[in-house]
Amino acid sequence: MSMTCVLEVEDLSVSFNGHLAVDNISLKVNEGDILGLIGPNGSGKTTLFRAILGLQPHSGKVRMFGYEGSKLRTLIPLIGYVPQRVSFEPNFPATVYDIVSMGIISNKKIVKGDKLIQQCGCCWNMIYKNIENKDDKITEALKTVGLEHLRNRRIGQLSGGELRRVFIARCLVKDPLLLILDEPATSVDVESSNKFYQAIKKINEENKITIMWSSHDIEAVSKYATKVACINKKLFYHGEKDKFFSDKELLKTYTESSMQMHMHDHHHTH
C-alpha cells in the first residue's frame, strides 16, 4: 500500500534580518503519522509551522497532497492549527460550545479543496461528514477531546489544559486534513497533559487524522509520536521514532545542541 503524502516541505528556509531561523529543512508527513517535532527553544519550530500555513514568508516549497502555489492556498484553511499562545479575552462571554462552533466551515468553502483532493486520487477522511446537524457535530468533537461535560462553561473559567482541548475541538469540527499543534501541553499539569495526549492518540487512531505536534517533552514524544523530526534551525533527524530513541549518538547530539542553545539563551538574557 503506498502511503499518501499529506505534507511535503522541501528546502524550506526562513530568515529574520539576515539570520536563518529555519535552515533548508525538507521533510514529509504521511497520512496517519503523528509527527513529534522536537527542538530547543528558538530552534524554529513555530516558524516552520507558520511557513507551512502560509503565515510566514519563506524560500523553498511547501506542498499538500502534491499541490503548491494557489492550489495549496485552497487547502490551507482545511488544516487545523492550534498556536502556542491562544489569545482571547478571558471575560469574553463565550461558552465552550460557542468557541467550538466557530470552527465549522461552510460547505461552500470546502468544495474546491475537496475537488483537489479527489483529483489527486486521495480520500479526505472526514470524521463528521455524515453528521448533518451542527449541534451533533460539536457534541462529537467535544466527546473526542473529553470535554462534553463542559459544553456550557464560560471559557474564562477553564484551566489551561481544558482551553487547549477546546481549541483542538474547534479544529476538529471542520474535519481537518492535518492537525498542527504548537507546544500544546506547555504549562499544564501532568494529569491535564496525559488527558491531552490520550485525546491526541484517539484523534489519530480512531479518526485517522494526521498530526504534527511540537514539544519539549521528549518523554511524551517517545510515547505518543510515530515519527520524529528533530530540528535546531537545521533538521538533523527525521524518521521512525524507535530508531531515534534507540540511537545513543542521535540523542546525545540532540541533548548537547539543546544545552548549547540553552546556555546561549542564558548568556544573552543576563
C-alpha atoms as a PDB file:
ATOM      1  CA  MET A   1       0.000   0.000   0.000  1.00  0.00           C
ATOM      2  CA  SER A   2       1.506   3.297  -0.996  1.00  0.00           C
ATOM      3  CA  MET A   3       1.439   5.953   1.675  1.00  0.00           C
ATOM      4  CA  THR A   4      -0.297   9.172   0.814  1.00  0.00           C
ATOM      5  CA  CYS A   5       1.982  12.113   1.460  1.00  0.00           C
ATOM      6  CA  VAL A   6      -0.169  14.766   3.134  1.00  0.00           C
ATOM      7  CA  LEU A   7       2.518  17.412   3.510  1.00  0.00           C
ATOM      8  CA  GLU A   8       5.912  17.855   1.941  1.00  0.00           C
ATOM      9  CA  VAL A   9       8.372  20.575   2.854  1.00  0.00           C
ATOM     10  CA  GLU A  10      11.334  20.976   0.542  1.00  0.00           C
ATOM     11  CA  ASP A  11      14.438  23.123   1.184  1.00  0.00           C
ATOM     12  CA  LEU A  12      12.423  25.470   3.357  1.00  0.00           C
ATOM     13  CA  SER A  13      14.294  28.410   4.843  1.00  0.00           C
ATOM     14  CA  VAL A  14      13.137  31.465   6.766  1.00  0.00           C
ATOM     15  CA  SER A  15      15.363  34.334   7.725  1.00  0.00           C
ATOM     16  CA  PHE A  16      14.797  37.288  10.019  1.00  0.00           C
ATOM     17  CA  ASN A  17      17.109  40.270   9.494  1.00  0.00           C
ATOM     18  CA  GLY A  18      19.591  38.136   7.624  1.00  0.00           C
ATOM     19  CA  HIS A  19      19.688  35.396  10.273  1.00  0.00           C
ATOM     20  CA  LEU A  20      18.349  31.976   9.353  1.00  0.00           C
ATOM     21  CA  ALA A  21      15.620  30.902  11.750  1.00  0.00           C
ATOM     22  CA  VAL A  22      14.893  27.789   9.690  1.00  0.00           C
ATOM     23  CA  ASP A  23      17.730  26.500   7.563  1.00  0.00           C
ATOM     24  CA  ASN A  24      16.935  24.419   4.495  1.00  0.00           C
ATOM     25  CA  ILE A  25      14.529  21.902   6.015  1.00  0.00           C
ATOM     26  CA  SER A  26      12.983  19.085   3.984  1.00  0.00           C
ATOM     27  CA  LEU A  27      10.521  16.588   5.425  1.00  0.00           C
ATOM     28  CA  LYS A  28       7.415  14.602   4.574  1.00  0.00           C
ATOM     29  CA  VAL A  29       4.364  13.842   6.654  1.00  0.00           C
ATOM     30  CA  ASN A  30       2.393  10.792   5.564  1.00  0.00           C
ATOM     31  CA  GLU A  31      -1.235  10.102   6.148  1.00  0.00           C
ATOM     32  CA  GLY A  32      -1.824   8.764   9.655  1.00  0.00           C
ATOM     33  CA  ASP A  33       1.528   9.952  11.072  1.00  0.00           C
ATOM     34  CA  ILE A  34       1.794  11.564  14.460  1.00  0.00           C
ATOM     35  CA  LEU A  35       4.975  13.516  13.861  1.00  0.00           C
ATOM     36  CA  GLY A  36       6.588  14.817  17.029  1.00  0.00           C
ATOM     37  CA  LEU A  37       8.702  17.858  16.223  1.00  0.00           C
ATOM     38  CA  ILE A  38      11.339  18.384  18.872  1.00  0.00           C
ATOM     39  CA  GLY A  39      13.961  21.023  19.319  1.00  0.00           C
ATOM     40  CA  PRO A  40      15.073  23.543  21.936  1.00  0.00           C
ATOM     41  CA  ASN A  41      13.500  26.966  22.390  1.00  0.00           C
ATOM     42  CA  GLY A  42      14.331  29.186  19.469  1.00  0.00           C
ATOM     43  CA  SER A  43      15.062  26.239  17.199  1.00  0.00           C
ATOM     44  CA  GLY A  44      12.477  27.333  14.614  1.00  0.00           C
ATOM     45  CA  LYS A  45       9.548  25.010  15.368  1.00  0.00           C
ATOM     46  CA  THR A  46       6.876  27.727  15.413  1.00  0.00           C
ATOM     47  CA  THR A  47       8.451  29.469  12.429  1.00  0.00           C
ATOM     48  CA  LEU A  48       8.355  26.224  10.452  1.00  0.00           C
ATOM     49  CA  PHE A  49       4.654  25.779  11.270  1.00  0.00           C
ATOM     50  CA  ARG A  50       3.889  29.373  10.308  1.00  0.00           C
ATOM     51  CA  ALA A  51       5.702  28.946   6.984  1.00  0.00           C
ATOM     52  CA  ILE A  52       3.741  25.758   6.243  1.00  0.00           C
ATOM     53  CA  LEU A  53       0.499  27.631   6.971  1.00  0.00           C
ATOM     54  CA  GLY A  54       1.433  30.492   4.655  1.00  0.00           C
ATOM     55  CA  LEU A  55       1.708  32.932   7.578  1.00  0.00           C
ATOM     56  CA  GLN A  56       5.439  33.456   7.199  1.00  0.00           C
ATOM     57  CA  PRO A  57       7.393  34.361   4.056  1.00  0.00           C
ATOM     58  CA  HIS A  58       9.926  31.663   3.207  1.00  0.00           C
ATOM     59  CA  SER A  59      12.004  30.199   0.437  1.00  0.00           C
ATOM     60  CA  GLY A  60      11.662  26.588  -0.654  1.00  0.00           C
ATOM     61  CA  LYS A  61       8.488  24.663  -1.324  1.00  0.00           C
ATOM     62  CA  VAL A  62       5.503  23.543   0.686  1.00  0.00           C
ATOM     63  CA  ARG A  63       3.125  21.025  -0.883  1.00  0.00           C
ATOM     64  CA  MET A  64      -0.048  19.447   0.396  1.00  0.00           C
ATOM     65  CA  PHE A  65      -1.207  16.303  -1.374  1.00  0.00           C
ATOM     66  CA  GLY A  66       1.269  17.341  -4.072  1.00  0.00           C
ATOM     67  CA  TYR A  67      -0.255  20.794  -4.583  1.00  0.00           C
ATOM     68  CA  GLU A  68       1.603  24.074  -4.239  1.00  0.00           C
ATOM     69  CA  GLY A  69       1.006  27.753  -5.003  1.00  0.00           C
ATOM     70  CA  SER A  70      -2.599  28.878  -5.368  1.00  0.00           C
ATOM     71  CA  LYS A  71      -3.909  25.325  -5.049  1.00  0.00           C
ATOM     72  CA  LEU A  72      -2.091  24.975  -1.765  1.00  0.00           C
ATOM     73  CA  ARG A  73      -3.791  28.178  -0.580  1.00  0.00           C
ATOM     74  CA  THR A  74      -7.161  26.495  -1.201  1.00  0.00           C
ATOM     75  CA  LEU A  75      -6.141  23.643   1.113  1.00  0.00           C
ATOM     76  CA  ILE A  76      -4.559  25.665   3.950  1.00  0.00           C
ATOM     77  CA  PRO A  77      -7.930  26.632   5.543  1.00  0.00           C
ATOM     78  CA  LEU A  78      -8.563  22.907   5.872  1.00  0.00           C
ATOM     79  CA  ILE A  79      -5.590  22.482   8.210  1.00  0.00           C
ATOM     80  CA  GLY A  80      -6.421  22.565  11.907  1.00  0.00           C
ATOM     81  CA  TYR A  81      -3.906  24.781  13.712  1.00  0.00           C
ATOM     82  CA  VAL A  82      -3.627  25.491  17.418  1.00  0.00           C
ATOM     83  CA  PRO A  83      -0.884  28.050  18.067  1.00  0.00           C
ATOM     84  CA  GLN A  84       1.229  28.010  21.193  1.00  0.00           C
ATOM     85  CA  ARG A  85      -0.482  31.034  22.665  1.00  0.00           C
ATOM     86  CA  VAL A  86      -4.157  31.276  22.024  1.00  0.00           C
ATOM     87  CA  SER A  87      -5.149  34.784  22.876  1.00  0.00           C
ATOM     88  CA  PHE A  88      -8.670  35.696  23.829  1.00  0.00           C
ATOM     89  CA  GLU A  89     -10.341  37.990  26.302  1.00  0.00           C
ATOM     90  CA  PRO A  90     -10.927  35.925  29.494  1.00  0.00           C
ATOM     91  CA  ASN A  91     -14.119  37.868  30.254  1.00  0.00           C
ATOM     92  CA  PHE A  92     -15.427  37.306  26.762  1.00  0.00           C
ATOM     93  CA  PRO A  93     -18.920  35.884  27.394  1.00  0.00           C
ATOM     94  CA  ALA A  94     -18.494  32.806  25.209  1.00  0.00           C
ATOM     95  CA  THR A  95     -19.088  29.225  26.212  1.00  0.00           C
ATOM     96  CA  VAL A  96     -17.089  26.160  25.212  1.00  0.00           C
ATOM     97  CA  TYR A  97     -19.901  25.357  22.773  1.00  0.00           C
ATOM     98  CA  ASP A  98     -19.665  28.827  21.171  1.00  0.00           C
ATOM     99  CA  ILE A  99     -15.926  28.558  20.624  1.00  0.00           C
ATOM    100  CA  VAL A 100     -16.133  25.107  19.052  1.00  0.00           C
ATOM    101  CA  SER A 101     -18.990  26.193  16.780  1.00  0.00           C
ATOM    102  CA  MET A 102     -16.696  28.901  15.339  1.00  0.00           C
ATOM    103  CA  GLY A 103     -14.629  26.139  13.791  1.00  0.00           C
ATOM    104  CA  ILE A 104     -17.379  24.897  11.494  1.00  0.00           C
ATOM    105  CA  ILE A 105     -16.787  25.969   7.935  1.00  0.00           C
ATOM    106  CA  SER A 106     -19.450  26.232   5.297  1.00  0.00           C
ATOM    107  CA  ASN A 107     -19.668  23.608   2.592  1.00  0.00           C
ATOM    108  CA  LYS A 108     -19.054  26.332   0.017  1.00  0.00           C
ATOM    109  CA  LYS A 109     -15.606  26.869   1.468  1.00  0.00           C
ATOM    110  CA  ILE A 110     -14.556  23.261   1.228  1.00  0.00           C
ATOM    111  CA  VAL A 111     -15.866  22.415  -2.247  1.00  0.00           C
ATOM    112  CA  LYS A 112     -12.677  23.469  -4.061  1.00  0.00           C
ATOM    113  CA  GLY A 113     -10.392  21.741  -1.607  1.00  0.00           C
ATOM    114  CA  ASP A 114     -12.466  18.598  -1.717  1.00  0.00           C
ATOM    115  CA  LYS A 115     -12.280  18.570  -5.507  1.00  0.00           C
ATOM    116  CA  LEU A 116      -8.483  18.927  -5.465  1.00  0.00           C
ATOM    117  CA  ILE A 117      -8.106  16.010  -3.087  1.00  0.00           C
ATOM    118  CA  GLN A 118     -10.345  13.805  -5.200  1.00  0.00           C
ATOM    119  CA  GLN A 119      -8.409  14.768  -8.335  1.00  0.00           C
ATOM    120  CA  CYS A 120      -5.151  13.518  -6.880  1.00  0.00           C
ATOM    121  CA  GLY A 121      -6.858  10.246  -6.010  1.00  0.00           C
ATOM    122  CA  CYS A 122      -6.707  10.735  -2.264  1.00  0.00           C
ATOM    123  CA  CYS A 123      -9.559  10.404   0.119  1.00  0.00           C
ATOM    124  CA  TRP A 124     -10.382  13.119   2.606  1.00  0.00           C
ATOM    125  CA  ASN A 125     -11.188  11.196   5.701  1.00  0.00           C
ATOM    126  CA  MET A 126     -13.957  13.344   7.161  1.00  0.00           C
ATOM    127  CA  ILE A 127     -14.975  12.012  10.546  1.00  0.00           C
ATOM    128  CA  TYR A 128     -18.112  14.067  10.971  1.00  0.00           C
ATOM    129  CA  LYS A 129     -19.218  14.183   7.344  1.00  0.00           C
ATOM    130  CA  ASN A 130     -22.286  12.041   7.996  1.00  0.00           C
ATOM    131  CA  ILE A 131     -23.419  14.329  10.780  1.00  0.00           C
ATOM    132  CA  GLU A 132     -25.667  16.942   9.210  1.00  0.00           C
ATOM    133  CA  ASN A 133     -26.688  18.630  12.412  1.00  0.00           C
ATOM    134  CA  LYS A 134     -24.230  21.281  13.605  1.00  0.00           C
ATOM    135  CA  ASP A 135     -25.114  20.685  17.228  1.00  0.00           C
ATOM    136  CA  ASP A 136     -24.323  16.956  16.963  1.00  0.00           C
ATOM    137  CA  LYS A 137     -21.029  17.756  15.266  1.00  0.00           C
ATOM    138  CA  ILE A 138     -19.987  19.981  18.161  1.00  0.00           C
ATOM    139  CA  THR A 139     -21.049  17.349  20.698  1.00  0.00           C
ATOM    140  CA  GLU A 140     -18.978  14.700  18.908  1.00  0.00           C
ATOM    141  CA  ALA A 141     -15.897  16.930  18.736  1.00  0.00           C
ATOM    142  CA  LEU A 142     -16.214  17.707  22.450  1.00  0.00           C
ATOM    143  CA  LYS A 143     -16.575  13.996  23.215  1.00  0.00           C
ATOM    144  CA  THR A 144     -13.425  13.272  21.228  1.00  0.00           C
ATOM    145  CA  VAL A 145     -11.409  15.628  23.455  1.00  0.00           C
ATOM    146  CA  GLY A 146     -13.274  14.546  26.601  1.00  0.00           C
ATOM    147  CA  LEU A 147     -14.988  17.852  27.343  1.00  0.00           C
ATOM    148  CA  GLU A 148     -18.664  17.328  26.551  1.00  0.00           C
ATOM    149  CA  HIS A 149     -19.492  17.880  30.245  1.00  0.00           C
ATOM    150  CA  LEU A 150     -18.181  21.443  29.966  1.00  0.00           C
ATOM    151  CA  ARG A 151     -20.087  22.495  26.854  1.00  0.00           C
ATOM    152  CA  ASN A 152     -21.931  25.336  28.620  1.00  0.00           C
ATOM    153  CA  ARG A 153     -18.994  26.507  30.702  1.00  0.00           C
ATOM    154  CA  ARG A 154     -17.700  30.024  30.073  1.00  0.00           C
ATOM    155  CA  ILE A 155     -14.227  29.881  28.565  1.00  0.00           C
ATOM    156  CA  GLY A 156     -12.865  32.248  31.218  1.00  0.00           C
ATOM    157  CA  GLN A 157     -13.483  29.525  33.808  1.00  0.00           C
ATOM    158  CA  LEU A 158     -11.391  26.824  32.146  1.00  0.00           C
ATOM    159  CA  SER A 159      -7.942  25.602  33.056  1.00  0.00           C
ATOM    160  CA  GLY A 160      -5.118  25.986  30.533  1.00  0.00           C
ATOM    161  CA  GLY A 161      -5.297  22.309  29.612  1.00  0.00           C
ATOM    162  CA  GLU A 162      -9.072  22.424  29.093  1.00  0.00           C
ATOM    163  CA  LEU A 163      -8.777  25.516  26.958  1.00  0.00           C
ATOM    164  CA  ARG A 164      -6.219  23.838  24.693  1.00  0.00           C
ATOM    165  CA  ARG A 165      -8.570  20.912  24.192  1.00  0.00           C
ATOM    166  CA  VAL A 166     -11.445  23.278  23.376  1.00  0.00           C
ATOM    167  CA  PHE A 167      -9.313  24.813  20.629  1.00  0.00           C
ATOM    168  CA  ILE A 168      -8.499  21.354  19.317  1.00  0.00           C
ATOM    169  CA  ALA A 169     -12.225  20.547  19.220  1.00  0.00           C
ATOM    170  CA  ARG A 170     -12.717  23.795  17.308  1.00  0.00           C
ATOM    171  CA  CYS A 171     -10.254  22.465  14.704  1.00  0.00           C
ATOM    172  CA  LEU A 172     -11.863  19.030  14.657  1.00  0.00           C
ATOM    173  CA  VAL A 173     -15.348  20.183  13.699  1.00  0.00           C
ATOM    174  CA  LYS A 174     -14.012  21.251  10.341  1.00  0.00           C
ATOM    175  CA  ASP A 175     -12.651  17.768   9.675  1.00  0.00           C
ATOM    176  CA  PRO A 176      -9.059  18.875   9.210  1.00  0.00           C
ATOM    177  CA  LEU A 177      -6.797  17.288   6.594  1.00  0.00           C
ATOM    178  CA  LEU A 178      -3.964  17.750   9.053  1.00  0.00           C
ATOM    179  CA  LEU A 179      -3.789  18.948  12.647  1.00  0.00           C
ATOM    180  CA  ILE A 180      -0.832  21.158  13.629  1.00  0.00           C
ATOM    181  CA  LEU A 181      -0.343  21.748  17.341  1.00  0.00           C
ATOM    182  CA  ASP A 182       2.360  24.081  18.581  1.00  0.00           C
ATOM    183  CA  GLU A 183       3.639  23.112  22.061  1.00  0.00           C
ATOM    184  CA  PRO A 184       0.129  22.055  23.051  1.00  0.00           C
ATOM    185  CA  ALA A 185       0.888  20.768  26.516  1.00  0.00           C
ATOM    186  CA  THR A 186       3.155  23.560  27.723  1.00  0.00           C
ATOM    187  CA  SER A 187       2.495  24.772  31.248  1.00  0.00           C
ATOM    188  CA  VAL A 188      -0.304  22.329  32.006  1.00  0.00           C
ATOM    189  CA  ASP A 189      -0.141  19.892  34.899  1.00  0.00           C
ATOM    190  CA  VAL A 190       0.675  16.221  34.425  1.00  0.00           C
ATOM    191  CA  GLU A 191      -2.908  14.997  34.645  1.00  0.00           C
ATOM    192  CA  SER A 192      -4.077  17.522  32.044  1.00  0.00           C
ATOM    193  CA  SER A 193      -1.235  16.720  29.727  1.00  0.00           C
ATOM    194  CA  ASN A 194      -1.972  12.985  29.981  1.00  0.00           C
ATOM    195  CA  LYS A 195      -5.619  13.630  29.120  1.00  0.00           C
ATOM    196  CA  PHE A 196      -4.463  15.770  26.308  1.00  0.00           C
ATOM    197  CA  TYR A 197      -2.151  13.120  24.852  1.00  0.00           C
ATOM    198  CA  GLN A 198      -4.809  10.449  25.179  1.00  0.00           C
ATOM    199  CA  ALA A 199      -7.141  12.683  23.185  1.00  0.00           C
ATOM    200  CA  ILE A 200      -4.444  13.109  20.524  1.00  0.00           C
ATOM    201  CA  LYS A 201      -3.920   9.372  20.272  1.00  0.00           C
ATOM    202  CA  LYS A 202      -7.650   8.826  19.915  1.00  0.00           C
ATOM    203  CA  ILE A 203      -7.967  11.512  17.220  1.00  0.00           C
ATOM    204  CA  ASN A 204      -5.157   9.844  15.326  1.00  0.00           C
ATOM    205  CA  GLU A 205      -6.096   6.191  15.767  1.00  0.00           C
ATOM    206  CA  GLU A 206      -9.888   6.290  15.727  1.00  0.00           C
ATOM    207  CA  ASN A 207     -10.418   9.273  13.472  1.00  0.00           C
ATOM    208  CA  LYS A 208      -7.319   8.669  11.351  1.00  0.00           C
ATOM    209  CA  ILE A 209      -6.241  12.297  11.459  1.00  0.00           C
ATOM    210  CA  THR A 210      -2.634  13.101  10.610  1.00  0.00           C
ATOM    211  CA  ILE A 211      -0.985  15.180  13.333  1.00  0.00           C
ATOM    212  CA  MET A 212       2.152  17.308  13.578  1.00  0.00           C
ATOM    213  CA  TRP A 213       2.928  18.459  17.042  1.00  0.00           C
ATOM    214  CA  SER A 214       5.880  20.293  18.502  1.00  0.00           C
ATOM    215  CA  SER A 215       7.029  19.605  22.013  1.00  0.00           C
ATOM    216  CA  HIS A 216       9.786  19.947  24.567  1.00  0.00           C
ATOM    217  CA  ASP A 217       8.551  16.825  26.225  1.00  0.00           C
ATOM    218  CA  ILE A 218      10.814  14.114  24.859  1.00  0.00           C
ATOM    219  CA  GLU A 219       9.116  11.509  27.002  1.00  0.00           C
ATOM    220  CA  ALA A 220       5.680  12.304  25.552  1.00  0.00           C
ATOM    221  CA  VAL A 221       7.117  12.216  22.042  1.00  0.00           C
ATOM    222  CA  SER A 222       8.696   8.827  22.683  1.00  0.00           C
ATOM    223  CA  LYS A 223       5.358   7.569  23.975  1.00  0.00           C
ATOM    224  CA  TYR A 224       2.828   9.046  21.569  1.00  0.00           C
ATOM    225  CA  ALA A 225       4.512  10.014  18.300  1.00  0.00           C
ATOM    226  CA  THR A 226       5.004   7.552  15.452  1.00  0.00           C
ATOM    227  CA  LYS A 227       7.668   9.651  13.686  1.00  0.00           C
ATOM    228  CA  VAL A 228      10.137  12.176  14.994  1.00  0.00           C
ATOM    229  CA  ALA A 229      11.657  15.256  13.406  1.00  0.00           C
ATOM    230  CA  CYS A 230      14.376  16.894  15.352  1.00  0.00           C
ATOM    231  CA  ILE A 231      15.296  20.455  14.433  1.00  0.00           C
ATOM    232  CA  ASN A 232      17.642  23.103  15.607  1.00  0.00           C
ATOM    233  CA  LYS A 233      17.337  25.599  12.750  1.00  0.00           C
ATOM    234  CA  LYS A 234      18.538  22.705  10.566  1.00  0.00           C
ATOM    235  CA  LEU A 235      16.865  19.322  10.505  1.00  0.00           C
ATOM    236  CA  PHE A 236      19.093  16.700  11.997  1.00  0.00           C
ATOM    237  CA  TYR A 237      16.785  13.738  12.169  1.00  0.00           C
ATOM    238  CA  HIS A 238      13.523  12.766  10.560  1.00  0.00           C
ATOM    239  CA  GLY A 239      12.197   9.246  10.619  1.00  0.00           C
ATOM    240  CA  GLU A 240      10.895   6.416  12.739  1.00  0.00           C
ATOM    241  CA  LYS A 241      10.546   7.187  16.417  1.00  0.00           C
ATOM    242  CA  ASP A 242      12.076   3.935  17.638  1.00  0.00           C
ATOM    243  CA  LYS A 243      15.213   4.475  15.626  1.00  0.00           C
ATOM    244  CA  PHE A 244      15.719   7.925  17.107  1.00  0.00           C
ATOM    245  CA  PHE A 245      15.189   6.853  20.684  1.00  0.00           C
ATOM    246  CA  SER A 246      17.374   3.775  20.428  1.00  0.00           C
ATOM    247  CA  ASP A 247      20.256   5.711  18.878  1.00  0.00           C
ATOM    248  CA  LYS A 248      22.501   6.965  21.696  1.00  0.00           C
ATOM    249  CA  GLU A 249      24.530   9.174  19.368  1.00  0.00           C
ATOM    250  CA  LEU A 250      21.473  10.952  17.998  1.00  0.00           C
ATOM    251  CA  LEU A 251      20.063  11.544  21.459  1.00  0.00           C
ATOM    252  CA  LYS A 252      23.424  12.826  22.646  1.00  0.00           C
ATOM    253  CA  THR A 253      23.676  15.241  19.711  1.00  0.00           C
ATOM    254  CA  TYR A 254      20.144  16.435  20.389  1.00  0.00           C
ATOM    255  CA  THR A 255      20.739  16.962  24.103  1.00  0.00           C
ATOM    256  CA  GLU A 256      24.039  18.726  23.520  1.00  0.00           C
ATOM    257  CA  SER A 257      22.601  21.110  20.956  1.00  0.00           C
ATOM    258  CA  SER A 258      19.667  21.812  23.296  1.00  0.00           C
ATOM    259  CA  MET A 259      22.089  22.565  26.087  1.00  0.00           C
ATOM    260  CA  GLN A 260      24.107  24.852  23.872  1.00  0.00           C
ATOM    261  CA  MET A 261      21.010  26.750  22.850  1.00  0.00           C
ATOM    262  CA  HIS A 262      20.040  26.955  26.487  1.00  0.00           C
ATOM    263  CA  MET A 263      23.461  28.281  27.529  1.00  0.00           C
ATOM    264  CA  HIS A 264      23.340  30.658  24.607  1.00  0.00           C
ATOM    265  CA  ASP A 265      19.957  31.993  25.724  1.00  0.00           C
ATOM    266  CA  HIS A 266      21.179  32.479  29.266  1.00  0.00           C
ATOM    267  CA  HIS A 267      24.245  34.182  28.002  1.00  0.00           C
ATOM    268  CA  HIS A 268      22.060  36.636  26.123  1.00  0.00           C
ATOM    269  CA  THR A 269      19.482  37.270  28.783  1.00  0.00           C
ATOM    270  CA  HIS A 270      21.900  38.022  31.572  1.00  0.00           C
END
